[in-house]
Amino acid sequence: GAEIAMGGTTLPEDRYIAPTVVVNA
């Protein structure tokens, strides 16, 4: 039920997770 307010991009080939803000976790 959490919402992503910012970011959320994940790229496995580059081991990249964008700066991410999660609300209502």
mmCIF file of all heavy atoms, coordinates in Angstrom:
data_MODEL
# 
_entry.id   MODEL 
# 
loop_
_atom_site.group_PDB 
_atom_site.id 
_atom_site.type_symbol 
_atom_site.label_atom_id 
_atom_site.label_alt_id 
_atom_site.label_comp_id 
_atom_site.label_asym_id 
_atom_site.label_entity_id 
_atom_site.label_seq_id 
_atom_site.pdbx_PDB_ins_code 
_atom_site.Cartn_x 
_atom_site.Cartn_y 
_atom_site.Cartn_z 
_atom_site.occupancy 
_atom_site.B_iso_or_equiv 
_atom_site.pdbx_formal_charge 
_atom_site.auth_seq_id 
_atom_site.auth_comp_id 
_atom_site.auth_asym_id 
_atom_site.auth_atom_id 
_atom_site.pdbx_PDB_model_num 
ATOM 1   N N   . GLY A 1 1  ? 0.782  -1.235 0.000   1.00 0.00 ? 1  GLY A N   1 
ATOM 2   C CA  . GLY A 1 1  ? 0.000  0.000  0.000   1.00 0.00 ? 1  GLY A CA  1 
ATOM 3   C C   . GLY A 1 1  ? 0.808  1.276  0.000   1.00 0.00 ? 1  GLY A C   1 
ATOM 4   O O   . GLY A 1 1  ? 0.238  2.374  -0.030  1.00 0.00 ? 1  GLY A O   1 
ATOM 5   N N   . ALA A 1 2  ? 2.139  1.183  0.044   1.00 0.00 ? 2  ALA A N   1 
ATOM 6   C CA  . ALA A 1 2  ? 2.973  2.391  0.028   1.00 0.00 ? 2  ALA A CA  1 
ATOM 7   C C   . ALA A 1 2  ? 2.908  3.055  -1.345  1.00 0.00 ? 2  ALA A C   1 
ATOM 8   O O   . ALA A 1 2  ? 2.656  2.406  -2.367  1.00 0.00 ? 2  ALA A O   1 
ATOM 9   C CB  . ALA A 1 2  ? 4.413  2.044  0.372   1.00 0.00 ? 2  ALA A CB  1 
ATOM 10  N N   . GLU A 1 3  ? 3.146  4.365  -1.363  1.00 0.00 ? 3  GLU A N   1 
ATOM 11  C CA  . GLU A 1 3  ? 3.188  5.119  -2.607  1.00 0.00 ? 3  GLU A CA  1 
ATOM 12  C C   . GLU A 1 3  ? 4.583  5.695  -2.797  1.00 0.00 ? 3  GLU A C   1 
ATOM 13  O O   . GLU A 1 3  ? 5.228  6.116  -1.831  1.00 0.00 ? 3  GLU A O   1 
ATOM 14  C CB  . GLU A 1 3  ? 2.168  6.258  -2.567  1.00 0.00 ? 3  GLU A CB  1 
ATOM 15  C CG  . GLU A 1 3  ? 0.734  5.801  -2.363  1.00 0.00 ? 3  GLU A CG  1 
ATOM 16  C CD  . GLU A 1 3  ? -0.194 6.969  -2.101  1.00 0.00 ? 3  GLU A CD  1 
ATOM 17  O OE1 . GLU A 1 3  ? 0.203  8.117  -2.423  1.00 0.00 ? 3  GLU A OE1 1 
ATOM 18  O OE2 . GLU A 1 3  ? -1.286 6.748  -1.555  1.00 0.00 ? 3  GLU A OE2 1 
ATOM 19  N N   . ILE A 1 4  ? 5.048  5.709  -4.039  1.00 0.00 ? 4  ILE A N   1 
ATOM 20  C CA  . ILE A 1 4  ? 6.341  6.314  -4.357  1.00 0.00 ? 4  ILE A CA  1 
ATOM 21  C C   . ILE A 1 4  ? 6.115  7.768  -4.720  1.00 0.00 ? 4  ILE A C   1 
ATOM 22  O O   . ILE A 1 4  ? 5.497  8.072  -5.747  1.00 0.00 ? 4  ILE A O   1 
ATOM 23  C CB  . ILE A 1 4  ? 7.050  5.558  -5.490  1.00 0.00 ? 4  ILE A CB  1 
ATOM 24  C CG1 . ILE A 1 4  ? 7.381  4.131  -5.038  1.00 0.00 ? 4  ILE A CG1 1 
ATOM 25  C CG2 . ILE A 1 4  ? 8.322  6.288  -5.912  1.00 0.00 ? 4  ILE A CG2 1 
ATOM 26  C CD1 . ILE A 1 4  ? 8.007  3.268  -6.112  1.00 0.00 ? 4  ILE A CD1 1 
ATOM 27  N N   . ALA A 1 5  ? 6.590  8.670  -3.880  1.00 0.00 ? 5  ALA A N   1 
ATOM 28  C CA  . ALA A 1 5  ? 6.411  10.101 -4.113  1.00 0.00 ? 5  ALA A CA  1 
ATOM 29  C C   . ALA A 1 5  ? 7.514  10.680 -4.985  1.00 0.00 ? 5  ALA A C   1 
ATOM 30  O O   . ALA A 1 5  ? 7.350  11.748 -5.568  1.00 0.00 ? 5  ALA A O   1 
ATOM 31  C CB  . ALA A 1 5  ? 6.378  10.841 -2.772  1.00 0.00 ? 5  ALA A CB  1 
ATOM 32  N N   . MET A 1 6  ? 8.624  9.972  -5.084  1.00 0.00 ? 6  MET A N   1 
ATOM 33  C CA  . MET A 1 6  ? 9.764  10.441 -5.869  1.00 0.00 ? 6  MET A CA  1 
ATOM 34  C C   . MET A 1 6  ? 10.663 9.274  -6.173  1.00 0.00 ? 6  MET A C   1 
ATOM 35  O O   . MET A 1 6  ? 10.862 8.394  -5.329  1.00 0.00 ? 6  MET A O   1 
ATOM 36  C CB  . MET A 1 6  ? 10.543 11.496 -5.080  1.00 0.00 ? 6  MET A CB  1 
ATOM 37  C CG  . MET A 1 6  ? 11.721 12.118 -5.818  1.00 0.00 ? 6  MET A CG  1 
ATOM 38  S SD  . MET A 1 6  ? 12.687 13.201 -4.722  1.00 0.00 ? 6  MET A SD  1 
ATOM 39  C CE  . MET A 1 6  ? 13.788 12.009 -3.970  1.00 0.00 ? 6  MET A CE  1 
ATOM 40  N N   . GLY A 1 7  ? 11.202 9.207  -7.382  1.00 0.00 ? 7  GLY A N   1 
ATOM 41  C CA  . GLY A 1 7  ? 12.163 8.165  -7.732  1.00 0.00 ? 7  GLY A CA  1 
ATOM 42  C C   . GLY A 1 7  ? 11.487 6.838  -8.005  1.00 0.00 ? 7  GLY A C   1 
ATOM 43  O O   . GLY A 1 7  ? 10.458 6.758  -8.671  1.00 0.00 ? 7  GLY A O   1 
ATOM 44  N N   . GLY A 1 8  ? 12.098 5.769  -7.510  1.00 0.00 ? 8  GLY A N   1 
ATOM 45  C CA  . GLY A 1 8  ? 11.560 4.435  -7.698  1.00 0.00 ? 8  GLY A CA  1 
ATOM 46  C C   . GLY A 1 8  ? 12.203 3.657  -8.829  1.00 0.00 ? 8  GLY A C   1 
ATOM 47  O O   . GLY A 1 8  ? 11.988 2.447  -8.955  1.00 0.00 ? 8  GLY A O   1 
ATOM 48  N N   . THR A 1 9  ? 13.001 4.299  -9.665  1.00 0.00 ? 9  THR A N   1 
ATOM 49  C CA  . THR A 1 9  ? 13.657 3.610  -10.781 1.00 0.00 ? 9  THR A CA  1 
ATOM 50  C C   . THR A 1 9  ? 14.706 2.633  -10.269 1.00 0.00 ? 9  THR A C   1 
ATOM 51  O O   . THR A 1 9  ? 15.533 2.975  -9.419  1.00 0.00 ? 9  THR A O   1 
ATOM 52  C CB  . THR A 1 9  ? 14.335 4.631  -11.728 1.00 0.00 ? 9  THR A CB  1 
ATOM 53  O OG1 . THR A 1 9  ? 13.344 5.513  -12.235 1.00 0.00 ? 9  THR A OG1 1 
ATOM 54  C CG2 . THR A 1 9  ? 15.034 3.926  -12.877 1.00 0.00 ? 9  THR A CG2 1 
ATOM 55  N N   . THR A 1 10 ? 14.672 1.410  -10.794 1.00 0.00 ? 10 THR A N   1 
ATOM 56  C CA  . THR A 1 10 ? 15.698 0.410  -10.469 1.00 0.00 ? 10 THR A CA  1 
ATOM 57  C C   . THR A 1 10 ? 16.223 -0.178 -11.773 1.00 0.00 ? 10 THR A C   1 
ATOM 58  O O   . THR A 1 10 ? 15.432 -0.577 -12.634 1.00 0.00 ? 10 THR A O   1 
ATOM 59  C CB  . THR A 1 10 ? 15.137 -0.722 -9.581  1.00 0.00 ? 10 THR A CB  1 
ATOM 60  O OG1 . THR A 1 10 ? 14.079 -1.398 -10.271 1.00 0.00 ? 10 THR A OG1 1 
ATOM 61  C CG2 . THR A 1 10 ? 14.600 -0.171 -8.266  1.00 0.00 ? 10 THR A CG2 1 
ATOM 62  N N   . LEU A 1 11 ? 17.540 -0.239 -11.920 1.00 0.00 ? 11 LEU A N   1 
ATOM 63  C CA  . LEU A 1 11 ? 18.173 -0.777 -13.123 1.00 0.00 ? 11 LEU A CA  1 
ATOM 64  C C   . LEU A 1 11 ? 19.146 -1.876 -12.711 1.00 0.00 ? 11 LEU A C   1 
ATOM 65  O O   . LEU A 1 11 ? 20.280 -1.599 -12.306 1.00 0.00 ? 11 LEU A O   1 
ATOM 66  C CB  . LEU A 1 11 ? 18.917 0.329  -13.877 1.00 0.00 ? 11 LEU A CB  1 
ATOM 67  C CG  . LEU A 1 11 ? 18.085 1.538  -14.346 1.00 0.00 ? 11 LEU A CG  1 
ATOM 68  C CD1 . LEU A 1 11 ? 18.987 2.594  -14.962 1.00 0.00 ? 11 LEU A CD1 1 
ATOM 69  C CD2 . LEU A 1 11 ? 17.009 1.102  -15.326 1.00 0.00 ? 11 LEU A CD2 1 
ATOM 70  N N   . PRO A 1 12 ? 18.725 -3.148 -12.780 1.00 0.00 ? 12 PRO A N   1 
ATOM 71  C CA  . PRO A 1 12 ? 19.585 -4.248 -12.318 1.00 0.00 ? 12 PRO A CA  1 
ATOM 72  C C   . PRO A 1 12 ? 20.939 -4.301 -13.001 1.00 0.00 ? 12 PRO A C   1 
ATOM 73  O O   . PRO A 1 12 ? 21.948 -4.589 -12.366 1.00 0.00 ? 12 PRO A O   1 
ATOM 74  C CB  . PRO A 1 12 ? 18.747 -5.494 -12.646 1.00 0.00 ? 12 PRO A CB  1 
ATOM 75  C CG  . PRO A 1 12 ? 17.342 -5.008 -12.725 1.00 0.00 ? 12 PRO A CG  1 
ATOM 76  C CD  . PRO A 1 12 ? 17.418 -3.610 -13.254 1.00 0.00 ? 12 PRO A CD  1 
ATOM 77  N N   . GLU A 1 13 ? 20.976 -4.000 -14.320 1.00 0.00 ? 13 GLU A N   1 
ATOM 78  C CA  . GLU A 1 13 ? 22.242 -4.125 -15.053 1.00 0.00 ? 13 GLU A CA  1 
ATOM 79  C C   . GLU A 1 13 ? 23.281 -3.121 -14.577 1.00 0.00 ? 13 GLU A C   1 
ATOM 80  O O   . GLU A 1 13 ? 24.486 -3.329 -14.750 1.00 0.00 ? 13 GLU A O   1 
ATOM 81  C CB  . GLU A 1 13 ? 22.000 -3.955 -16.556 1.00 0.00 ? 13 GLU A CB  1 
ATOM 82  C CG  . GLU A 1 13 ? 21.524 -2.578 -17.000 1.00 0.00 ? 13 GLU A CG  1 
ATOM 83  C CD  . GLU A 1 13 ? 20.022 -2.362 -16.871 1.00 0.00 ? 13 GLU A CD  1 
ATOM 84  O OE1 . GLU A 1 13 ? 19.352 -3.212 -16.239 1.00 0.00 ? 13 GLU A OE1 1 
ATOM 85  O OE2 . GLU A 1 13 ? 19.523 -1.345 -17.387 1.00 0.00 ? 13 GLU A OE2 1 
ATOM 86  N N   . ASP A 1 14 ? 22.837 -2.029 -13.958 1.00 0.00 ? 14 ASP A N   1 
ATOM 87  C CA  . ASP A 1 14 ? 23.756 -0.994 -13.461 1.00 0.00 ? 14 ASP A CA  1 
ATOM 88  C C   . ASP A 1 14 ? 23.770 -0.937 -11.937 1.00 0.00 ? 14 ASP A C   1 
ATOM 89  O O   . ASP A 1 14 ? 24.419 -0.057 -11.365 1.00 0.00 ? 14 ASP A O   1 
ATOM 90  C CB  . ASP A 1 14 ? 23.360 0.370  -14.033 1.00 0.00 ? 14 ASP A CB  1 
ATOM 91  C CG  . ASP A 1 14 ? 24.502 1.381  -13.992 1.00 0.00 ? 14 ASP A CG  1 
ATOM 92  O OD1 . ASP A 1 14 ? 25.672 0.950  -14.017 1.00 0.00 ? 14 ASP A OD1 1 
ATOM 93  O OD2 . ASP A 1 14 ? 24.228 2.583  -13.907 1.00 0.00 ? 14 ASP A OD2 1 
ATOM 94  N N   . ARG A 1 15 ? 23.055 -1.835 -11.287 1.00 0.00 ? 15 ARG A N   1 
ATOM 95  C CA  . ARG A 1 15 ? 22.899 -1.843 -9.824  1.00 0.00 ? 15 ARG A CA  1 
ATOM 96  C C   . ARG A 1 15 ? 22.508 -0.437 -9.340  1.00 0.00 ? 15 ARG A C   1 
ATOM 97  O O   . ARG A 1 15 ? 23.044 0.077  -8.369  1.00 0.00 ? 15 ARG A O   1 
ATOM 98  C CB  . ARG A 1 15 ? 24.168 -2.322 -9.120  1.00 0.00 ? 15 ARG A CB  1 
ATOM 99  C CG  . ARG A 1 15 ? 24.643 -3.693 -9.541  1.00 0.00 ? 15 ARG A CG  1 
ATOM 100 C CD  . ARG A 1 15 ? 25.632 -4.314 -8.560  1.00 0.00 ? 15 ARG A CD  1 
ATOM 101 N NE  . ARG A 1 15 ? 26.708 -3.456 -8.180  1.00 0.00 ? 15 ARG A NE  1 
ATOM 102 C CZ  . ARG A 1 15 ? 27.845 -3.324 -8.840  1.00 0.00 ? 15 ARG A CZ  1 
ATOM 103 N NH1 . ARG A 1 15 ? 28.053 -4.006 -9.956  1.00 0.00 ? 15 ARG A NH1 1 
ATOM 104 N NH2 . ARG A 1 15 ? 28.788 -2.522 -8.401  1.00 0.00 ? 15 ARG A NH2 1 
ATOM 105 N N   . TYR A 1 16 ? 21.547 0.140  -10.054 1.00 0.00 ? 16 TYR A N   1 
ATOM 106 C CA  . TYR A 1 16 ? 21.126 1.521  -9.781  1.00 0.00 ? 16 TYR A CA  1 
ATOM 107 C C   . TYR A 1 16 ? 19.737 1.556  -9.175  1.00 0.00 ? 16 TYR A C   1 
ATOM 108 O O   . TYR A 1 16 ? 18.800 0.943  -9.704  1.00 0.00 ? 16 TYR A O   1 
ATOM 109 C CB  . TYR A 1 16 ? 21.146 2.333  -11.075 1.00 0.00 ? 16 TYR A CB  1 
ATOM 110 C CG  . TYR A 1 16 ? 20.476 3.691  -10.971 1.00 0.00 ? 16 TYR A CG  1 
ATOM 111 C CD1 . TYR A 1 16 ? 21.041 4.709  -10.205 1.00 0.00 ? 16 TYR A CD1 1 
ATOM 112 C CD2 . TYR A 1 16 ? 19.282 3.955  -11.646 1.00 0.00 ? 16 TYR A CD2 1 
ATOM 113 C CE1 . TYR A 1 16 ? 20.437 5.961  -10.124 1.00 0.00 ? 16 TYR A CE1 1 
ATOM 114 C CE2 . TYR A 1 16 ? 18.674 5.200  -11.565 1.00 0.00 ? 16 TYR A CE2 1 
ATOM 115 C CZ  . TYR A 1 16 ? 19.247 6.199  -10.802 1.00 0.00 ? 16 TYR A CZ  1 
ATOM 116 O OH  . TYR A 1 16 ? 18.649 7.422  -10.707 1.00 0.00 ? 16 TYR A OH  1 
ATOM 117 N N   . ILE A 1 17 ? 19.603 2.253  -8.057  1.00 0.00 ? 17 ILE A N   1 
ATOM 118 C CA  . ILE A 1 17 ? 18.302 2.580  -7.488  1.00 0.00 ? 17 ILE A CA  1 
ATOM 119 C C   . ILE A 1 17 ? 18.287 4.084  -7.289  1.00 0.00 ? 17 ILE A C   1 
ATOM 120 O O   . ILE A 1 17 ? 19.144 4.644  -6.601  1.00 0.00 ? 17 ILE A O   1 
ATOM 121 C CB  . ILE A 1 17 ? 18.053 1.855  -6.158  1.00 0.00 ? 17 ILE A CB  1 
ATOM 122 C CG1 . ILE A 1 17 ? 18.080 0.332  -6.368  1.00 0.00 ? 17 ILE A CG1 1 
ATOM 123 C CG2 . ILE A 1 17 ? 16.705 2.278  -5.554  1.00 0.00 ? 17 ILE A CG2 1 
ATOM 124 C CD1 . ILE A 1 17 ? 17.915 -0.477 -5.092  1.00 0.00 ? 17 ILE A CD1 1 
ATOM 125 N N   . ALA A 1 18 ? 17.321 4.739  -7.919  1.00 0.00 ? 18 ALA A N   1 
ATOM 126 C CA  . ALA A 1 18 ? 17.244 6.198  -7.855  1.00 0.00 ? 18 ALA A CA  1 
ATOM 127 C C   . ALA A 1 18 ? 16.959 6.671  -6.437  1.00 0.00 ? 18 ALA A C   1 
ATOM 128 O O   . ALA A 1 18 ? 16.387 5.926  -5.621  1.00 0.00 ? 18 ALA A O   1 
ATOM 129 C CB  . ALA A 1 18 ? 16.137 6.687  -8.787  1.00 0.00 ? 18 ALA A CB  1 
ATOM 130 N N   . PRO A 1 19 ? 17.346 7.903  -6.098  1.00 0.00 ? 19 PRO A N   1 
ATOM 131 C CA  . PRO A 1 19 ? 16.884 8.492  -4.838  1.00 0.00 ? 19 PRO A CA  1 
ATOM 132 C C   . PRO A 1 19 ? 15.357 8.415  -4.784  1.00 0.00 ? 19 PRO A C   1 
ATOM 133 O O   . PRO A 1 19 ? 14.675 8.913  -5.683  1.00 0.00 ? 19 PRO A O   1 
ATOM 134 C CB  . PRO A 1 19 ? 17.379 9.946  -4.934  1.00 0.00 ? 19 PRO A CB  1 
ATOM 135 C CG  . PRO A 1 19 ? 18.548 9.887  -5.870  1.00 0.00 ? 19 PRO A CG  1 
ATOM 136 C CD  . PRO A 1 19 ? 18.199 8.832  -6.872  1.00 0.00 ? 19 PRO A CD  1 
ATOM 137 N N   . THR A 1 20 ? 14.846 7.756  -3.763  1.00 0.00 ? 20 THR A N   1 
ATOM 138 C CA  . THR A 1 20 ? 13.426 7.400  -3.727  1.00 0.00 ? 20 THR A CA  1 
ATOM 139 C C   . THR A 1 20 ? 12.795 7.808  -2.411  1.00 0.00 ? 20 THR A C   1 
ATOM 140 O O   . THR A 1 20 ? 13.379 7.573  -1.342  1.00 0.00 ? 20 THR A O   1 
ATOM 141 C CB  . THR A 1 20 ? 13.266 5.871  -3.936  1.00 0.00 ? 20 THR A CB  1 
ATOM 142 O OG1 . THR A 1 20 ? 13.780 5.524  -5.227  1.00 0.00 ? 20 THR A OG1 1 
ATOM 143 C CG2 . THR A 1 20 ? 11.815 5.438  -3.833  1.00 0.00 ? 20 THR A CG2 1 
ATOM 144 N N   . VAL A 1 21 ? 11.613 8.414  -2.480  1.00 0.00 ? 21 VAL A N   1 
ATOM 145 C CA  . VAL A 1 21 ? 10.835 8.755  -1.291  1.00 0.00 ? 21 VAL A CA  1 
ATOM 146 C C   . VAL A 1 21 ? 9.553  7.932  -1.311  1.00 0.00 ? 21 VAL A C   1 
ATOM 147 O O   . VAL A 1 21 ? 8.838  7.891  -2.318  1.00 0.00 ? 21 VAL A O   1 
ATOM 148 C CB  . VAL A 1 21 ? 10.501 10.254 -1.246  1.00 0.00 ? 21 VAL A CB  1 
ATOM 149 C CG1 . VAL A 1 21 ? 9.564  10.565 -0.070  1.00 0.00 ? 21 VAL A CG1 1 
ATOM 150 C CG2 . VAL A 1 21 ? 11.779 11.080 -1.128  1.00 0.00 ? 21 VAL A CG2 1 
ATOM 151 N N   . VAL A 1 22 ? 9.282  7.255  -0.196  1.00 0.00 ? 22 VAL A N   1 
ATOM 152 C CA  . VAL A 1 22 ? 8.121  6.372  -0.071  1.00 0.00 ? 22 VAL A CA  1 
ATOM 153 C C   . VAL A 1 22 ? 7.219  6.908  1.037   1.00 0.00 ? 22 VAL A C   1 
ATOM 154 O O   . VAL A 1 22 ? 7.701  7.229  2.133   1.00 0.00 ? 22 VAL A O   1 
ATOM 155 C CB  . VAL A 1 22 ? 8.562  4.934  0.267   1.00 0.00 ? 22 VAL A CB  1 
ATOM 156 C CG1 . VAL A 1 22 ? 7.359  4.024  0.444   1.00 0.00 ? 22 VAL A CG1 1 
ATOM 157 C CG2 . VAL A 1 22 ? 9.493  4.389  -0.804  1.00 0.00 ? 22 VAL A CG2 1 
ATOM 158 N N   . VAL A 1 23 ? 5.929  7.000  0.759   1.00 0.00 ? 23 VAL A N   1 
ATOM 159 C CA  . VAL A 1 23 ? 4.977  7.442  1.782   1.00 0.00 ? 23 VAL A CA  1 
ATOM 160 C C   . VAL A 1 23 ? 3.971  6.329  2.052   1.00 0.00 ? 23 VAL A C   1 
ATOM 161 O O   . VAL A 1 23 ? 3.726  5.467  1.198   1.00 0.00 ? 23 VAL A O   1 
ATOM 162 C CB  . VAL A 1 23 ? 4.262  8.747  1.373   1.00 0.00 ? 23 VAL A CB  1 
ATOM 163 C CG1 . VAL A 1 23 ? 5.261  9.880  1.225   1.00 0.00 ? 23 VAL A CG1 1 
ATOM 164 C CG2 . VAL A 1 23 ? 3.479  8.570  0.076   1.00 0.00 ? 23 VAL A CG2 1 
ATOM 165 N N   . ASN A 1 24 ? 3.413  6.355  3.252   1.00 0.00 ? 24 ASN A N   1 
ATOM 166 C CA  . ASN A 1 24 ? 2.408  5.373  3.680   1.00 0.00 ? 24 ASN A CA  1 
ATOM 167 C C   . ASN A 1 24 ? 2.939  3.940  3.657   1.00 0.00 ? 24 ASN A C   1 
ATOM 168 O O   . ASN A 1 24 ? 2.204  2.995  3.359   1.00 0.00 ? 24 ASN A O   1 
ATOM 169 C CB  . ASN A 1 24 ? 1.141  5.449  2.811   1.00 0.00 ? 24 ASN A CB  1 
ATOM 170 C CG  . ASN A 1 24 ? 0.474  6.810  2.897   1.00 0.00 ? 24 ASN A CG  1 
ATOM 171 O OD1 . ASN A 1 24 ? 0.415  7.415  3.964   1.00 0.00 ? 24 ASN A OD1 1 
ATOM 172 N ND2 . ASN A 1 24 ? -0.021 7.306  1.765   1.00 0.00 ? 24 ASN A ND2 1 
ATOM 173 N N   . ALA A 1 25 ? 4.222  3.765  3.970   1.00 0.00 ? 25 ALA A N   1 
ATOM 174 C CA  . ALA A 1 25 ? 4.784  2.411  4.032   1.00 0.00 ? 25 ALA A CA  1 
ATOM 175 C C   . ALA A 1 25 ? 4.208  1.664  5.234   1.00 0.00 ? 25 ALA A C   1 
ATOM 176 O O   . ALA A 1 25 ? 4.163  2.218  6.342   1.00 0.00 ? 25 ALA A O   1 
ATOM 177 C CB  . ALA A 1 25 ? 6.306  2.472  4.128   1.00 0.00 ? 25 ALA A CB  1 
# 
